[in-house]
């Protein structure tokens, strides 16, 4: 695994805040967060991946050794409100951490977070889902910040609870309040328009204010819409300019190759580059050969039997009925291949 190396952030530089488009420390110096997402606690097993294989301290040391200085820790609201006294299948999922096998999911989360910050890593809390499950799909019922099981009031209350729980730890520097807003059976999230109950910008503003009321030094991280891909509607309600949130809001966008046409197109162009090059050479050969045949007087009448009238301009289509209109593009092709004046039928 090759990653860009970033220095650990000394506690003396905390808390972090924003200035323009940058995250900066207490002295206004730019801070670069080089983070990884440590998956697992939001799922049915309710602990981070890898704890069945390595002790927590070893994992934290390895993360630092990779050149990272920040970890995003996803969790579910089930972990907080589910009244679990033990981790499901603790002897399996915590095989390398036997001292935690009698702990609740939230206590294991506490230990995980403490291990990371003891190693000098910044931690970003992330409410990934409400009910413990893999994320994400359009059918999981987790697309909004509230679900059939947990209301918006529950979501806001838990933000306060989690912020308060870790506010004495300066290295818990940010709160990613909800992962990947998207459609669900409860509706479609919007930003700055539509029903207030579905306006994510309003909910994010309320949540951010509650987080900062408990810990004024937190970064408030706000997801974009539609799997956190789109932030285009932020100008409808730019919450980062609101007085109580100014200097704290960080918008987050997720990048996936399978939903970005420009990346997909670049991939397939690369795959078929040689085919395209050979095809272009063939077309050049046809044009050169047609010129040679024209010069030798060997062309014969012919026509293009069919092409799409969508190639014609609107002006051209309006004149098509009169028979006086043809596509300049196809006229040029006809002249090149059939010779000047060569007959063709545009259908």
C-alpha atoms as a PDB file:
ATOM      1  CA  UNK A   1       0.000   0.000   0.000  1.00  0.00           C
ATOM      2  CA  UNK A   2       1.567   3.300  -1.097  1.00  0.00           C
ATOM      3  CA  UNK A   3       0.217   6.478   0.457  1.00  0.00           C
ATOM      4  CA  UNK A   4       1.442  10.034   0.760  1.00  0.00           C
ATOM      5  CA  UNK A   5       3.105  10.546   4.137  1.00  0.00           C
ATOM      6  CA  UNK A   6       1.693  13.180   6.478  1.00  0.00           C
ATOM      7  CA  UNK A   7       3.109  14.244   9.833  1.00  0.00           C
ATOM      8  CA  UNK A   8       1.216  13.560  13.023  1.00  0.00           C
ATOM      9  CA  UNK A   9      -0.575  16.616  14.382  1.00  0.00           C
ATOM     10  CA  UNK A  10       0.811  17.657  17.755  1.00  0.00           C
ATOM     11  CA  UNK A  11      -1.804  18.371  20.416  1.00  0.00           C
ATOM     12  CA  UNK A  12      -0.387  21.867  20.829  1.00  0.00           C
ATOM     13  CA  UNK A  13      -1.695  22.697  17.335  1.00  0.00           C
ATOM     14  CA  UNK A  14      -5.269  21.770  18.241  1.00  0.00           C
ATOM     15  CA  UNK A  15      -8.148  22.447  17.913  1.00  0.00           C
ATOM     16  CA  UNK A  16      -8.456  22.725  14.156  1.00  0.00           C
ATOM     17  CA  UNK A  17     -10.694  25.113  12.251  1.00  0.00           C
ATOM     18  CA  UNK A  18     -11.209  26.294   8.680  1.00  0.00           C
ATOM     19  CA  UNK A  19      -9.923  29.355   6.894  1.00  0.00           C
ATOM     20  CA  UNK A  20     -11.179  29.790   3.351  1.00  0.00           C
ATOM     21  CA  UNK A  21     -10.716  26.429   1.671  1.00  0.00           C
ATOM     22  CA  UNK A  22      -8.116  25.146   4.118  1.00  0.00           C
ATOM     23  CA  UNK A  23      -8.100  23.368   7.456  1.00  0.00           C
ATOM     24  CA  UNK A  24      -5.703  25.197   9.764  1.00  0.00           C
ATOM     25  CA  UNK A  25      -4.336  24.870  13.293  1.00  0.00           C
ATOM     26  CA  UNK A  26      -4.619  27.295  16.225  1.00  0.00           C
ATOM     27  CA  UNK A  27      -1.891  29.485  14.701  1.00  0.00           C
ATOM     28  CA  UNK A  28      -3.505  29.580  11.276  1.00  0.00           C
ATOM     29  CA  UNK A  29      -0.984  27.211   9.667  1.00  0.00           C
ATOM     30  CA  UNK A  30      -2.401  24.852   7.072  1.00  0.00           C
ATOM     31  CA  UNK A  31      -2.971  21.253   8.200  1.00  0.00           C
ATOM     32  CA  UNK A  32      -3.134  18.353   5.789  1.00  0.00           C
ATOM     33  CA  UNK A  33      -5.190  15.418   7.033  1.00  0.00           C
ATOM     34  CA  UNK A  34      -4.146  12.146   5.441  1.00  0.00           C
ATOM     35  CA  UNK A  35      -6.964   9.860   6.591  1.00  0.00           C
ATOM     36  CA  UNK A  36      -8.122   6.301   6.211  1.00  0.00           C
ATOM     37  CA  UNK A  37     -11.588   4.906   6.832  1.00  0.00           C
ATOM     38  CA  UNK A  38     -11.509   2.055   9.379  1.00  0.00           C
ATOM     39  CA  UNK A  39     -14.613   0.021   8.641  1.00  0.00           C
ATOM     40  CA  UNK A  40     -16.525  -2.360  10.865  1.00  0.00           C
ATOM     41  CA  UNK A  41     -18.191  -0.933  13.989  1.00  0.00           C
ATOM     42  CA  UNK A  42     -21.295   0.120  12.037  1.00  0.00           C
ATOM     43  CA  UNK A  43     -21.912  -3.437  10.843  1.00  0.00           C
ATOM     44  CA  UNK A  44     -23.484  -6.450  12.558  1.00  0.00           C
ATOM     45  CA  UNK A  45     -20.208  -7.438  14.264  1.00  0.00           C
ATOM     46  CA  UNK A  46     -20.070  -3.960  15.892  1.00  0.00           C
ATOM     47  CA  UNK A  47     -16.262  -3.798  16.085  1.00  0.00           C
ATOM     48  CA  UNK A  48     -13.593  -2.643  13.662  1.00  0.00           C
ATOM     49  CA  UNK A  49     -12.212  -5.059  11.075  1.00  0.00           C
ATOM     50  CA  UNK A  50      -8.937  -6.754  11.947  1.00  0.00           C
ATOM     51  CA  UNK A  51      -9.396  -6.984  15.697  1.00  0.00           C
ATOM     52  CA  UNK A  52      -9.690 -10.743  15.355  1.00  0.00           C
ATOM     53  CA  UNK A  53      -6.159 -10.801  13.937  1.00  0.00           C
ATOM     54  CA  UNK A  54      -4.130  -8.076  15.672  1.00  0.00           C
ATOM     55  CA  UNK A  55      -4.124  -6.302  19.041  1.00  0.00           C
ATOM     56  CA  UNK A  56      -5.352  -2.719  18.924  1.00  0.00           C
ATOM     57  CA  UNK A  57      -1.952  -1.243  19.740  1.00  0.00           C
ATOM     58  CA  UNK A  58      -0.351  -3.087  16.800  1.00  0.00           C
ATOM     59  CA  UNK A  59      -3.028  -1.862  14.394  1.00  0.00           C
ATOM     60  CA  UNK A  60      -2.624   1.751  15.553  1.00  0.00           C
ATOM     61  CA  UNK A  61       1.169   1.512  15.198  1.00  0.00           C
ATOM     62  CA  UNK A  62       0.782   0.075  11.692  1.00  0.00           C
ATOM     63  CA  UNK A  63      -1.522   2.932  10.664  1.00  0.00           C
ATOM     64  CA  UNK A  64       1.075   5.478  11.774  1.00  0.00           C
ATOM     65  CA  UNK A  65       3.753   3.499   9.931  1.00  0.00           C
ATOM     66  CA  UNK A  66       1.758   3.812   6.709  1.00  0.00           C
ATOM     67  CA  UNK A  67       2.165   7.584   6.838  1.00  0.00           C
ATOM     68  CA  UNK A  68      -1.402   8.365   7.887  1.00  0.00           C
ATOM     69  CA  UNK A  69      -2.252  10.940  10.539  1.00  0.00           C
ATOM     70  CA  UNK A  70      -6.029  10.588  10.720  1.00  0.00           C
ATOM     71  CA  UNK A  71      -8.681   7.876  10.987  1.00  0.00           C
ATOM     72  CA  UNK A  72     -12.406   8.136  10.244  1.00  0.00           C
ATOM     73  CA  UNK A  73     -14.317   5.839  12.604  1.00  0.00           C
ATOM     74  CA  UNK A  74     -17.805   4.805  11.363  1.00  0.00           C
ATOM     75  CA  UNK A  75     -20.409   3.579  13.828  1.00  0.00           C
ATOM     76  CA  UNK A  76     -24.139   2.886  13.968  1.00  0.00           C
ATOM     77  CA  UNK A  77     -26.743   4.353  16.280  1.00  0.00           C
ATOM     78  CA  UNK A  78     -27.522   0.773  17.321  1.00  0.00           C
ATOM     79  CA  UNK A  79     -24.147   0.816  19.048  1.00  0.00           C
ATOM     80  CA  UNK A  80     -25.418   3.621  21.293  1.00  0.00           C
ATOM     81  CA  UNK A  81     -29.117   2.891  21.709  1.00  0.00           C
ATOM     82  CA  UNK A  82     -29.214  -0.880  21.215  1.00  0.00           C
ATOM     83  CA  UNK A  83     -28.575  -1.779  24.896  1.00  0.00           C
ATOM     84  CA  UNK A  84     -25.935  -4.314  23.916  1.00  0.00           C
ATOM     85  CA  UNK A  85     -23.903  -5.580  26.886  1.00  0.00           C
ATOM     86  CA  UNK A  86     -21.560  -7.656  24.736  1.00  0.00           C
ATOM     87  CA  UNK A  87     -20.282  -7.647  21.201  1.00  0.00           C
ATOM     88  CA  UNK A  88     -21.974 -10.313  19.033  1.00  0.00           C
ATOM     89  CA  UNK A  89     -19.586 -13.275  18.558  1.00  0.00           C
ATOM     90  CA  UNK A  90     -16.929 -11.501  20.611  1.00  0.00           C
ATOM     91  CA  UNK A  91     -14.655 -14.552  20.766  1.00  0.00           C
ATOM     92  CA  UNK A  92     -14.447 -14.451  16.981  1.00  0.00           C
ATOM     93  CA  UNK A  93     -14.381 -10.736  16.165  1.00  0.00           C
ATOM     94  CA  UNK A  94     -12.115  -9.893  19.131  1.00  0.00           C
ATOM     95  CA  UNK A  95      -9.939 -13.019  19.112  1.00  0.00           C
ATOM     96  CA  UNK A  96      -6.722 -10.954  19.168  1.00  0.00           C
ATOM     97  CA  UNK A  97      -8.080  -8.612  21.849  1.00  0.00           C
ATOM     98  CA  UNK A  98      -9.368 -10.960  24.572  1.00  0.00           C
ATOM     99  CA  UNK A  99      -9.375  -8.208  27.222  1.00  0.00           C
ATOM    100  CA  UNK A 100     -12.282  -6.581  25.325  1.00  0.00           C
ATOM    101  CA  UNK A 101     -14.425  -9.671  24.853  1.00  0.00           C
ATOM    102  CA  UNK A 102     -16.637  -8.896  27.864  1.00  0.00           C
ATOM    103  CA  UNK A 103     -17.105  -5.241  26.826  1.00  0.00           C
ATOM    104  CA  UNK A 104     -20.105  -3.621  25.173  1.00  0.00           C
ATOM    105  CA  UNK A 105     -19.816  -2.382  21.568  1.00  0.00           C
ATOM    106  CA  UNK A 106     -19.556   1.222  22.784  1.00  0.00           C
ATOM    107  CA  UNK A 107     -16.799   0.296  25.250  1.00  0.00           C
ATOM    108  CA  UNK A 108     -14.878  -1.433  22.468  1.00  0.00           C
ATOM    109  CA  UNK A 109     -15.315   1.722  20.389  1.00  0.00           C
ATOM    110  CA  UNK A 110     -13.930   3.733  23.322  1.00  0.00           C
ATOM    111  CA  UNK A 111     -10.880   1.475  23.510  1.00  0.00           C
ATOM    112  CA  UNK A 112     -10.344   1.639  19.749  1.00  0.00           C
ATOM    113  CA  UNK A 113     -10.510   5.422  19.727  1.00  0.00           C
ATOM    114  CA  UNK A 114      -8.181   5.693  22.737  1.00  0.00           C
ATOM    115  CA  UNK A 115      -5.626   3.416  21.081  1.00  0.00           C
ATOM    116  CA  UNK A 116      -5.620   5.540  17.943  1.00  0.00           C
ATOM    117  CA  UNK A 117      -5.239   8.856  19.754  1.00  0.00           C
ATOM    118  CA  UNK A 118      -2.573   7.390  22.078  1.00  0.00           C
ATOM    119  CA  UNK A 119      -0.619   6.714  18.880  1.00  0.00           C
ATOM    120  CA  UNK A 120      -1.017  10.386  17.920  1.00  0.00           C
ATOM    121  CA  UNK A 121      -3.709   9.945  15.280  1.00  0.00           C
ATOM    122  CA  UNK A 122      -6.541  12.409  14.676  1.00  0.00           C
ATOM    123  CA  UNK A 123      -9.969  10.744  14.876  1.00  0.00           C
ATOM    124  CA  UNK A 124     -13.042  11.786  12.892  1.00  0.00           C
ATOM    125  CA  UNK A 125     -16.299  10.375  14.288  1.00  0.00           C
ATOM    126  CA  UNK A 126     -18.728   9.224  11.608  1.00  0.00           C
ATOM    127  CA  UNK A 127     -22.376   8.314  12.023  1.00  0.00           C
ATOM    128  CA  UNK A 128     -22.416   5.880   9.144  1.00  0.00           C
ATOM    129  CA  UNK A 129     -25.855   4.329   9.583  1.00  0.00           C
ATOM    130  CA  UNK A 130     -28.625   4.068  12.148  1.00  0.00           C
ATOM    131  CA  UNK A 131     -29.233   0.296  12.250  1.00  0.00           C
ATOM    132  CA  UNK A 132     -26.152  -1.909  12.150  1.00  0.00           C
ATOM    133  CA  UNK A 133     -25.662  -2.894   8.519  1.00  0.00           C
ATOM    134  CA  UNK A 134     -23.409  -2.605   5.498  1.00  0.00           C
ATOM    135  CA  UNK A 135     -23.675   0.713   3.711  1.00  0.00           C
ATOM    136  CA  UNK A 136     -24.929   1.693   1.202  1.00  0.00           C
ATOM    137  CA  UNK A 137     -27.844   1.024  -1.145  1.00  0.00           C
ATOM    138  CA  UNK A 138     -31.135   2.600  -2.154  1.00  0.00           C
ATOM    139  CA  UNK A 139     -33.019  -0.228  -0.430  1.00  0.00           C
ATOM    140  CA  UNK A 140     -31.421  -0.287   3.031  1.00  0.00           C
ATOM    141  CA  UNK A 141     -33.711   2.381   4.512  1.00  0.00           C
ATOM    142  CA  UNK A 142     -30.679   4.406   5.631  1.00  0.00           C
ATOM    143  CA  UNK A 143     -30.647   7.135   2.995  1.00  0.00           C
ATOM    144  CA  UNK A 144     -31.887   9.953   5.237  1.00  0.00           C
ATOM    145  CA  UNK A 145     -30.454  11.059   8.585  1.00  0.00           C
ATOM    146  CA  UNK A 146     -33.523   9.532  10.219  1.00  0.00           C
ATOM    147  CA  UNK A 147     -35.072   6.104   9.692  1.00  0.00           C
ATOM    148  CA  UNK A 148     -38.203   4.221  10.673  1.00  0.00           C
ATOM    149  CA  UNK A 149     -36.404   3.071  13.831  1.00  0.00           C
ATOM    150  CA  UNK A 150     -34.576   6.285  14.786  1.00  0.00           C
ATOM    151  CA  UNK A 151     -36.131   9.748  14.458  1.00  0.00           C
ATOM    152  CA  UNK A 152     -34.404  13.028  13.688  1.00  0.00           C
ATOM    153  CA  UNK A 153     -34.632  13.826  17.412  1.00  0.00           C
ATOM    154  CA  UNK A 154     -32.739  10.599  18.162  1.00  0.00           C
ATOM    155  CA  UNK A 155     -30.093  11.517  15.613  1.00  0.00           C
ATOM    156  CA  UNK A 156     -29.625  15.004  17.069  1.00  0.00           C
ATOM    157  CA  UNK A 157     -29.536  13.649  20.613  1.00  0.00           C
ATOM    158  CA  UNK A 158     -26.862  11.104  19.757  1.00  0.00           C
ATOM    159  CA  UNK A 159     -24.679  13.815  18.167  1.00  0.00           C
ATOM    160  CA  UNK A 160     -24.685  15.608  21.512  1.00  0.00           C
ATOM    161  CA  UNK A 161     -23.978  12.385  23.413  1.00  0.00           C
ATOM    162  CA  UNK A 162     -21.010  11.346  21.247  1.00  0.00           C
ATOM    163  CA  UNK A 163     -19.506  14.841  21.173  1.00  0.00           C
ATOM    164  CA  UNK A 164     -19.743  15.105  24.950  1.00  0.00           C
ATOM    165  CA  UNK A 165     -18.270  11.614  25.381  1.00  0.00           C
ATOM    166  CA  UNK A 166     -14.980  12.507  23.678  1.00  0.00           C
ATOM    167  CA  UNK A 167     -14.672  16.271  24.128  1.00  0.00           C
ATOM    168  CA  UNK A 168     -11.747  15.974  26.565  1.00  0.00           C
ATOM    169  CA  UNK A 169      -9.673  14.237  23.902  1.00  0.00           C
ATOM    170  CA  UNK A 170      -8.267  16.975  21.665  1.00  0.00           C
ATOM    171  CA  UNK A 171      -7.361  14.483  18.949  1.00  0.00           C
ATOM    172  CA  UNK A 172     -11.043  13.751  18.359  1.00  0.00           C
ATOM    173  CA  UNK A 173     -11.075  16.693  16.016  1.00  0.00           C
ATOM    174  CA  UNK A 174     -14.104  16.299  13.773  1.00  0.00           C
ATOM    175  CA  UNK A 175     -17.596  14.879  13.429  1.00  0.00           C
ATOM    176  CA  UNK A 176     -18.785  13.541  10.074  1.00  0.00           C
ATOM    177  CA  UNK A 177     -22.438  13.737  11.041  1.00  0.00           C
ATOM    178  CA  UNK A 178     -23.986  11.373   8.475  1.00  0.00           C
ATOM    179  CA  UNK A 179     -22.697   9.216   5.665  1.00  0.00           C
ATOM    180  CA  UNK A 180     -23.903   9.382   2.042  1.00  0.00           C
ATOM    181  CA  UNK A 181     -27.347  10.986   1.977  1.00  0.00           C
ATOM    182  CA  UNK A 182     -29.534   9.406  -0.709  1.00  0.00           C
ATOM    183  CA  UNK A 183     -33.079   8.317  -1.472  1.00  0.00           C
ATOM    184  CA  UNK A 184     -34.960   5.978   0.833  1.00  0.00           C
ATOM    185  CA  UNK A 185     -38.568   4.967   1.352  1.00  0.00           C
ATOM    186  CA  UNK A 186     -38.869   8.038   3.588  1.00  0.00           C
ATOM    187  CA  UNK A 187     -38.089  10.426   0.745  1.00  0.00           C
ATOM    188  CA  UNK A 188     -35.356  12.145  -1.234  1.00  0.00           C
ATOM    189  CA  UNK A 189     -32.921  14.451   0.572  1.00  0.00           C
ATOM    190  CA  UNK A 190     -32.624  17.993  -0.754  1.00  0.00           C
ATOM    191  CA  UNK A 191     -30.434  20.997  -0.020  1.00  0.00           C
ATOM    192  CA  UNK A 192     -31.992  24.414   0.446  1.00  0.00           C
ATOM    193  CA  UNK A 193     -35.372  23.680  -1.148  1.00  0.00           C
ATOM    194  CA  UNK A 194     -38.452  21.470  -0.843  1.00  0.00           C
ATOM    195  CA  UNK A 195     -39.949  20.123   2.366  1.00  0.00           C
ATOM    196  CA  UNK A 196     -38.078  21.149   5.494  1.00  0.00           C
ATOM    197  CA  UNK A 197     -38.272  17.584   6.814  1.00  0.00           C
ATOM    198  CA  UNK A 198     -36.240  16.428   3.805  1.00  0.00           C
ATOM    199  CA  UNK A 199     -33.815  19.367   3.629  1.00  0.00           C
ATOM    200  CA  UNK A 200     -30.438  18.034   4.673  1.00  0.00           C
ATOM    201  CA  UNK A 201     -28.939  21.526   4.921  1.00  0.00           C
ATOM    202  CA  UNK A 202     -31.399  22.434   7.688  1.00  0.00           C
ATOM    203  CA  UNK A 203     -30.701  19.211   9.590  1.00  0.00           C
ATOM    204  CA  UNK A 204     -26.934  19.570   9.133  1.00  0.00           C
ATOM    205  CA  UNK A 205     -27.088  23.119  10.460  1.00  0.00           C
ATOM    206  CA  UNK A 206     -29.049  22.003  13.535  1.00  0.00           C
ATOM    207  CA  UNK A 207     -26.687  19.099  14.126  1.00  0.00           C
ATOM    208  CA  UNK A 208     -23.583  21.218  13.631  1.00  0.00           C
ATOM    209  CA  UNK A 209     -24.749  23.811  16.126  1.00  0.00           C
ATOM    210  CA  UNK A 210     -25.398  21.115  18.738  1.00  0.00           C
ATOM    211  CA  UNK A 211     -21.941  19.596  18.187  1.00  0.00           C
ATOM    212  CA  UNK A 212     -20.252  22.970  18.576  1.00  0.00           C
ATOM    213  CA  UNK A 213     -22.296  23.806  21.664  1.00  0.00           C
ATOM    214  CA  UNK A 214     -20.695  20.776  23.342  1.00  0.00           C
ATOM    215  CA  UNK A 215     -17.237  21.174  21.795  1.00  0.00           C
ATOM    216  CA  UNK A 216     -16.446  24.516  20.117  1.00  0.00           C
ATOM    217  CA  UNK A 217     -13.200  23.063  18.763  1.00  0.00           C
ATOM    218  CA  UNK A 218     -14.747  20.445  16.490  1.00  0.00           C
ATOM    219  CA  UNK A 219     -14.748  20.378  12.716  1.00  0.00           C
ATOM    220  CA  UNK A 220     -18.317  19.817  11.491  1.00  0.00           C
ATOM    221  CA  UNK A 221     -18.118  17.573   8.436  1.00  0.00           C
ATOM    222  CA  UNK A 222     -21.142  17.644   6.137  1.00  0.00           C
ATOM    223  CA  UNK A 223     -21.858  15.076   3.448  1.00  0.00           C
ATOM    224  CA  UNK A 224     -23.060  15.918  -0.035  1.00  0.00           C
ATOM    225  CA  UNK A 225     -26.221  14.445  -1.538  1.00  0.00           C
ATOM    226  CA  UNK A 226     -26.597  11.251  -3.550  1.00  0.00           C
ATOM    227  CA  UNK A 227     -23.936   9.086  -1.948  1.00  0.00           C
ATOM    228  CA  UNK A 228     -22.032  12.240  -1.031  1.00  0.00           C
ATOM    229  CA  UNK A 229     -21.210  12.861  -4.684  1.00  0.00           C
ATOM    230  CA  UNK A 230     -23.062  16.147  -5.250  1.00  0.00           C
ATOM    231  CA  UNK A 231     -22.423  19.432  -3.464  1.00  0.00           C
ATOM    232  CA  UNK A 232     -23.803  21.556  -6.298  1.00  0.00           C
ATOM    233  CA  UNK A 233     -26.779  22.796  -4.262  1.00  0.00           C
ATOM    234  CA  UNK A 234     -24.724  24.217  -1.379  1.00  0.00           C
ATOM    235  CA  UNK A 235     -25.200  27.810  -2.680  1.00  0.00           C
ATOM    236  CA  UNK A 236     -28.935  27.388  -1.981  1.00  0.00           C
ATOM    237  CA  UNK A 237     -28.094  27.392   1.717  1.00  0.00           C
ATOM    238  CA  UNK A 238     -24.348  27.863   2.389  1.00  0.00           C
ATOM    239  CA  UNK A 239     -24.322  26.815   6.027  1.00  0.00           C
ATOM    240  CA  UNK A 240     -20.563  27.421   6.293  1.00  0.00           C
ATOM    241  CA  UNK A 241     -21.364  31.157   6.169  1.00  0.00           C
ATOM    242  CA  UNK A 242     -23.808  31.041   9.073  1.00  0.00           C
ATOM    243  CA  UNK A 243     -22.363  32.795  12.112  1.00  0.00           C
ATOM    244  CA  UNK A 244     -22.518  29.876  14.554  1.00  0.00           C
ATOM    245  CA  UNK A 245     -20.868  27.492  12.078  1.00  0.00           C
ATOM    246  CA  UNK A 246     -18.360  29.821  10.420  1.00  0.00           C
ATOM    247  CA  UNK A 247     -14.821  28.476  10.602  1.00  0.00           C
ATOM    248  CA  UNK A 248     -15.914  24.908  11.345  1.00  0.00           C
ATOM    249  CA  UNK A 249     -17.735  23.402   8.349  1.00  0.00           C
ATOM    250  CA  UNK A 250     -15.945  20.978   6.041  1.00  0.00           C
ATOM    251  CA  UNK A 251     -17.964  19.592   3.125  1.00  0.00           C
ATOM    252  CA  UNK A 252     -17.182  16.032   2.151  1.00  0.00           C
ATOM    253  CA  UNK A 253     -17.610  14.453  -1.275  1.00  0.00           C
ATOM    254  CA  UNK A 254     -17.043  10.800  -2.137  1.00  0.00           C
ATOM    255  CA  UNK A 255     -15.473   9.738  -5.415  1.00  0.00           C
ATOM    256  CA  UNK A 256     -16.462   6.487  -7.112  1.00  0.00           C
ATOM    257  CA  UNK A 257     -15.228   5.487 -10.553  1.00  0.00           C
ATOM    258  CA  UNK A 258     -18.449   3.638 -11.392  1.00  0.00           C
ATOM    259  CA  UNK A 259     -20.564   6.782 -11.123  1.00  0.00           C
ATOM    260  CA  UNK A 260     -18.180   9.197 -12.836  1.00  0.00           C
ATOM    261  CA  UNK A 261     -18.557   9.153 -16.596  1.00  0.00           C
ATOM    262  CA  UNK A 262     -15.283  10.937 -17.276  1.00  0.00           C
ATOM    263  CA  UNK A 263     -13.347   8.210 -15.435  1.00  0.00           C
ATOM    264  CA  UNK A 264     -15.270   5.438 -17.158  1.00  0.00           C
ATOM    265  CA  UNK A 265     -14.768   7.054 -20.554  1.00  0.00           C
ATOM    266  CA  UNK A 266     -11.057   7.480 -19.934  1.00  0.00           C
ATOM    267  CA  UNK A 267     -10.775   3.805 -18.992  1.00  0.00           C
ATOM    268  CA  UNK A 268     -12.523   2.537 -22.105  1.00  0.00           C
ATOM    269  CA  UNK A 269     -10.689   4.939 -24.395  1.00  0.00           C
ATOM    270  CA  UNK A 270      -7.483   3.552 -22.953  1.00  0.00           C
ATOM    271  CA  UNK A 271      -8.643  -0.041 -23.497  1.00  0.00           C
ATOM    272  CA  UNK A 272      -9.586   0.591 -27.120  1.00  0.00           C
ATOM    273  CA  UNK A 273      -6.936   3.167 -27.974  1.00  0.00           C
ATOM    274  CA  UNK A 274      -5.176   0.915 -30.454  1.00  0.00           C
ATOM    275  CA  UNK A 275      -8.468  -0.041 -32.084  1.00  0.00           C
ATOM    276  CA  UNK A 276      -9.336   3.633 -32.461  1.00  0.00           C
ATOM    277  CA  UNK A 277      -5.900   4.375 -33.901  1.00  0.00           C
ATOM    278  CA  UNK A 278      -6.189   1.568 -36.474  1.00  0.00           C
ATOM    279  CA  UNK A 279      -9.710   2.711 -37.416  1.00  0.00           C
ATOM    280  CA  UNK A 280      -8.495   6.269 -37.945  1.00  0.00           C
ATOM    281  CA  UNK A 281      -5.669   5.007 -40.154  1.00  0.00           C
ATOM    282  CA  UNK A 282      -8.191   2.998 -42.174  1.00  0.00           C
ATOM    283  CA  UNK A 283     -10.365   6.072 -42.694  1.00  0.00           C
ATOM    284  CA  UNK A 284      -7.335   8.078 -43.833  1.00  0.00           C
ATOM    285  CA  UNK A 285      -6.509   5.303 -46.287  1.00  0.00           C
ATOM    286  CA  UNK A 286     -10.069   5.386 -47.684  1.00  0.00           C
ATOM    287  CA  UNK A 287      -9.865   9.150 -48.230  1.00  0.00           C
ATOM    288  CA  UNK A 288      -6.451   8.938 -49.914  1.00  0.00           C
ATOM    289  CA  UNK A 289      -7.598   6.053 -52.079  1.00  0.00           C
ATOM    290  CA  UNK A 290     -10.752   7.925 -53.097  1.00  0.00           C
ATOM    291  CA  UNK A 291      -8.663  10.905 -54.155  1.00  0.00           C
ATOM    292  CA  UNK A 292      -6.425   8.610 -56.201  1.00  0.00           C
ATOM    293  CA  UNK A 293      -9.396   6.925 -57.891  1.00  0.00           C
ATOM    294  CA  UNK A 294     -10.996  10.279 -58.617  1.00  0.00           C
ATOM    295  CA  UNK A 295      -7.777  11.438 -60.232  1.00  0.00           C
ATOM    296  CA  UNK A 296      -7.722   8.284 -62.369  1.00  0.00           C
ATOM    297  CA  UNK A 297     -11.377   8.832 -63.364  1.00  0.00           C
ATOM    298  CA  UNK A 298     -12.458   5.462 -62.013  1.00  0.00           C
ATOM    299  CA  UNK A 299     -15.327   6.567 -59.714  1.00  0.00           C
ATOM    300  CA  UNK A 300     -18.845   5.320 -60.344  1.00  0.00           C
ATOM    301  CA  UNK A 301     -22.250   6.667 -59.219  1.00  0.00           C
ATOM    302  CA  UNK A 302     -23.497   5.481 -55.852  1.00  0.00           C
ATOM    303  CA  UNK A 303     -25.371   6.666 -52.758  1.00  0.00           C
ATOM    304  CA  UNK A 304     -25.533   6.495 -49.019  1.00  0.00           C
ATOM    305  CA  UNK A 305     -28.760   4.649 -48.554  1.00  0.00           C
ATOM    306  CA  UNK A 306     -29.451   5.687 -44.981  1.00  0.00           C
ATOM    307  CA  UNK A 307     -28.282   8.028 -42.273  1.00  0.00           C
ATOM    308  CA  UNK A 308     -29.904   9.678 -39.306  1.00  0.00           C
ATOM    309  CA  UNK A 309     -31.782  12.907 -39.973  1.00  0.00           C
ATOM    310  CA  UNK A 310     -30.816  13.897 -36.412  1.00  0.00           C
ATOM    311  CA  UNK A 311     -27.497  14.927 -37.905  1.00  0.00           C
ATOM    312  CA  UNK A 312     -29.260  17.795 -39.640  1.00  0.00           C
ATOM    313  CA  UNK A 313     -29.634  21.195 -38.075  1.00  0.00           C
ATOM    314  CA  UNK A 314     -33.129  22.378 -37.076  1.00  0.00           C
ATOM    315  CA  UNK A 315     -33.045  24.852 -39.955  1.00  0.00           C
ATOM    316  CA  UNK A 316     -32.094  22.079 -42.285  1.00  0.00           C
ATOM    317  CA  UNK A 317     -34.892  19.795 -41.071  1.00  0.00           C
ATOM    318  CA  UNK A 318     -37.451  22.529 -41.652  1.00  0.00           C
ATOM    319  CA  UNK A 319     -36.451  22.663 -45.297  1.00  0.00           C
ATOM    320  CA  UNK A 320     -36.205  18.904 -45.780  1.00  0.00           C
ATOM    321  CA  UNK A 321     -39.673  18.574 -47.272  1.00  0.00           C
ATOM    322  CA  UNK A 322     -38.700  20.852 -50.161  1.00  0.00           C
ATOM    323  CA  UNK A 323     -35.880  18.518 -51.136  1.00  0.00           C
ATOM    324  CA  UNK A 324     -33.441  21.451 -51.091  1.00  0.00           C
ATOM    325  CA  UNK A 325     -31.645  20.454 -47.888  1.00  0.00           C
ATOM    326  CA  UNK A 326     -28.773  18.105 -47.188  1.00  0.00           C
ATOM    327  CA  UNK A 327     -26.217  17.711 -44.453  1.00  0.00           C
ATOM    328  CA  UNK A 328     -22.947  19.445 -45.218  1.00  0.00           C
ATOM    329  CA  UNK A 329     -21.118  16.707 -43.358  1.00  0.00           C
ATOM    330  CA  UNK A 330     -22.530  13.965 -45.521  1.00  0.00           C
ATOM    331  CA  UNK A 331     -22.098  16.112 -48.671  1.00  0.00           C
ATOM    332  CA  UNK A 332     -18.396  16.334 -47.918  1.00  0.00           C
ATOM    333  CA  UNK A 333     -18.173  12.594 -47.345  1.00  0.00           C
ATOM    334  CA  UNK A 334     -20.050  11.948 -50.577  1.00  0.00           C
ATOM    335  CA  UNK A 335     -17.751  14.271 -52.516  1.00  0.00           C
ATOM    336  CA  UNK A 336     -14.692  12.573 -51.044  1.00  0.00           C
ATOM    337  CA  UNK A 337     -15.774   8.992 -51.656  1.00  0.00           C
ATOM    338  CA  UNK A 338     -18.072   9.258 -54.690  1.00  0.00           C
ATOM    339  CA  UNK A 339     -16.465  12.249 -56.355  1.00  0.00           C
ATOM    340  CA  UNK A 340     -17.878  15.756 -56.809  1.00  0.00           C
ATOM    341  CA  UNK A 341     -21.541  15.547 -57.720  1.00  0.00           C
ATOM    342  CA  UNK A 342     -21.810  11.884 -56.661  1.00  0.00           C
ATOM    343  CA  UNK A 343     -25.389  10.897 -55.952  1.00  0.00           C
ATOM    344  CA  UNK A 344     -26.539  10.047 -52.426  1.00  0.00           C
ATOM    345  CA  UNK A 345     -29.851   9.574 -50.713  1.00  0.00           C
ATOM    346  CA  UNK A 346     -30.339  11.029 -47.247  1.00  0.00           C
ATOM    347  CA  UNK A 347     -33.065   9.033 -45.493  1.00  0.00           C
END
